[in-house]
Amino acid sequence: MTEDRARAYANLMKTLRRLESVGGLLPDEADQIRVGADVLLFSQPEMPAAESFGAVDDALALVEGLVTVGRWPGRMARRTLDALAACGPAAARSVQVPIGRPGQPGNQLGRHAA
């Protein structure tokens, strides 16, 4: 874990608490994103086994679902996923996730191949 990743994690936790307090996230939803952030924060740069990224995939699916059902705008989802990605090693941020309107770039965190 690096200082930058620890700072990114702390900032994401602050954001999740704020979103919970204003009703943007249910407690279980915030916990799901927290678990994904925990996995990334404690991942080694050489990347752990793919099965440990199930929690990250769950967090991605949750955020994508929040956009799909209209609870979150794409911009909020991209910011949250970028913050989540910043918790992990660079190798965890290599795949794009299309969040938002077609034709706009996705964020830097992607689903992990098994």
Protein backbone atom coordinates (compact mmCIF):
# COMPACT_ATOMS: atom_id res chain seq x y z
CA MET A 1 0.00 0.00 0.00
CA THR A 2 1.27 3.44 -0.85
CA GLU A 3 0.53 6.80 0.73
CA ASP A 4 -1.40 7.86 -2.38
CA ARG A 5 -3.56 4.74 -2.25
CA ALA A 6 -4.21 5.22 1.47
CA ARG A 7 -5.22 8.84 0.83
CA ALA A 8 -7.49 7.77 -2.03
CA TYR A 9 -9.11 5.18 0.25
CA ALA A 10 -9.71 7.76 3.00
CA ASN A 11 -11.26 10.16 0.47
CA LEU A 12 -13.51 7.42 -0.91
CA MET A 13 -14.67 6.50 2.60
CA LYS A 14 -15.55 10.17 3.24
CA THR A 15 -17.49 10.28 -0.02
CA LEU A 16 -19.39 7.10 0.81
CA ARG A 17 -20.35 8.43 4.26
CA ARG A 18 -21.59 11.65 2.66
CA LEU A 19 -23.60 9.75 0.05
CA GLU A 20 -25.16 7.61 2.78
CA SER A 21 -26.09 10.67 4.82
CA VAL A 22 -27.95 12.32 1.94
CA GLY A 23 -29.66 9.14 0.76
CA GLY A 24 -27.56 8.59 -2.36
CA LEU A 25 -26.53 5.16 -1.11
CA LEU A 26 -28.14 2.64 1.15
CA PRO A 27 -25.87 1.31 3.94
CA ASP A 28 -25.55 -2.12 2.26
CA GLU A 29 -24.61 -0.46 -1.02
CA ALA A 30 -21.93 1.66 0.63
CA ASP A 31 -20.58 -1.46 2.34
CA GLN A 32 -20.36 -3.24 -1.00
CA ILE A 33 -18.20 -0.44 -2.42
CA ARG A 34 -16.12 -0.40 0.79
CA VAL A 35 -15.36 -4.09 0.45
CA GLY A 36 -14.17 -3.54 -3.13
CA ALA A 37 -11.99 -0.66 -1.95
CA ASP A 38 -10.54 -2.86 0.82
CA VAL A 39 -9.59 -5.53 -1.72
CA LEU A 40 -7.89 -2.96 -3.93
CA LEU A 41 -6.15 -1.14 -1.09
CA PHE A 42 -4.47 -4.32 0.15
CA SER A 43 -3.68 -5.69 -3.32
CA GLN A 44 -0.06 -6.02 -4.28
CA PRO A 45 1.27 -4.33 -7.43
CA GLU A 46 1.79 -7.72 -9.08
CA MET A 47 -1.97 -8.36 -8.67
CA PRO A 48 -3.45 -11.05 -6.44
CA ALA A 49 -5.42 -14.05 -7.64
CA ALA A 50 -8.40 -13.16 -9.83
CA GLU A 51 -10.90 -14.64 -7.36
CA SER A 52 -10.15 -11.87 -4.85
CA PHE A 53 -11.58 -9.37 -7.31
CA GLY A 54 -15.13 -10.69 -6.95
CA ALA A 55 -15.77 -7.90 -4.45
CA VAL A 56 -14.44 -5.32 -6.91
CA ASP A 57 -16.67 -6.72 -9.65
CA ASP A 58 -19.63 -6.55 -7.24
CA ALA A 59 -18.88 -2.88 -6.53
CA LEU A 60 -18.63 -2.16 -10.26
CA ALA A 61 -21.92 -3.92 -10.93
CA LEU A 62 -23.59 -1.95 -8.13
CA VAL A 63 -22.44 1.40 -9.49
CA GLU A 64 -23.42 0.44 -13.03
CA GLY A 65 -26.83 -0.59 -11.69
CA LEU A 66 -27.28 2.73 -9.90
CA VAL A 67 -26.78 4.47 -13.24
CA THR A 68 -29.00 2.03 -15.13
CA VAL A 69 -31.97 2.56 -12.81
CA GLY A 70 -31.46 6.32 -12.79
CA ARG A 71 -30.42 6.76 -9.15
CA TRP A 72 -27.00 8.13 -10.09
CA PRO A 73 -25.88 10.24 -13.02
CA GLY A 74 -23.01 8.85 -15.08
CA ARG A 75 -20.66 11.59 -13.88
CA MET A 76 -21.13 10.59 -10.23
CA ALA A 77 -20.55 6.95 -11.11
CA ARG A 78 -17.34 7.76 -13.01
CA ARG A 79 -16.04 9.83 -10.11
CA THR A 80 -16.82 7.07 -7.63
CA LEU A 81 -15.23 4.38 -9.79
CA ASP A 82 -12.17 6.55 -10.40
CA ALA A 83 -11.87 6.99 -6.62
CA LEU A 84 -12.27 3.23 -6.16
CA ALA A 85 -9.61 2.54 -8.78
CA ALA A 86 -7.19 4.94 -7.07
CA CYS A 87 -7.26 2.62 -4.04
CA GLY A 88 -5.56 -0.15 -5.99
CA PRO A 89 -2.33 -0.82 -7.84
CA ALA A 90 -1.91 0.58 -11.34
CA ALA A 91 -2.56 -2.85 -12.88
CA ALA A 92 -6.10 -2.80 -11.42
CA ARG A 93 -6.93 0.37 -13.37
CA SER A 94 -6.09 -0.79 -16.86
CA VAL A 95 -9.52 -1.59 -18.32
CA GLN A 96 -12.22 0.92 -19.23
CA VAL A 97 -15.77 0.60 -17.90
CA PRO A 98 -18.35 2.39 -20.04
CA ILE A 99 -20.38 4.46 -17.56
CA GLY A 100 -22.48 7.35 -18.78
CA ARG A 101 -23.48 8.29 -22.26
CA PRO A 102 -22.28 6.36 -25.31
CA GLY A 103 -19.21 7.88 -26.89
CA GLN A 104 -17.82 9.21 -23.61
CA PRO A 105 -14.75 7.58 -22.13
CA GLY A 106 -15.30 5.23 -19.20
CA ASN A 107 -13.42 5.20 -15.96
CA GLN A 108 -10.09 3.51 -15.31
CA LEU A 109 -11.29 0.48 -13.36
CA GLY A 110 -12.52 -2.57 -15.15
CA ARG A 111 -13.77 -6.06 -14.70
CA HIS A 112 -11.01 -8.53 -14.10
CA ALA A 113 -10.52 -11.56 -16.26
CA ALA A 114 -10.41 -14.84 -14.39
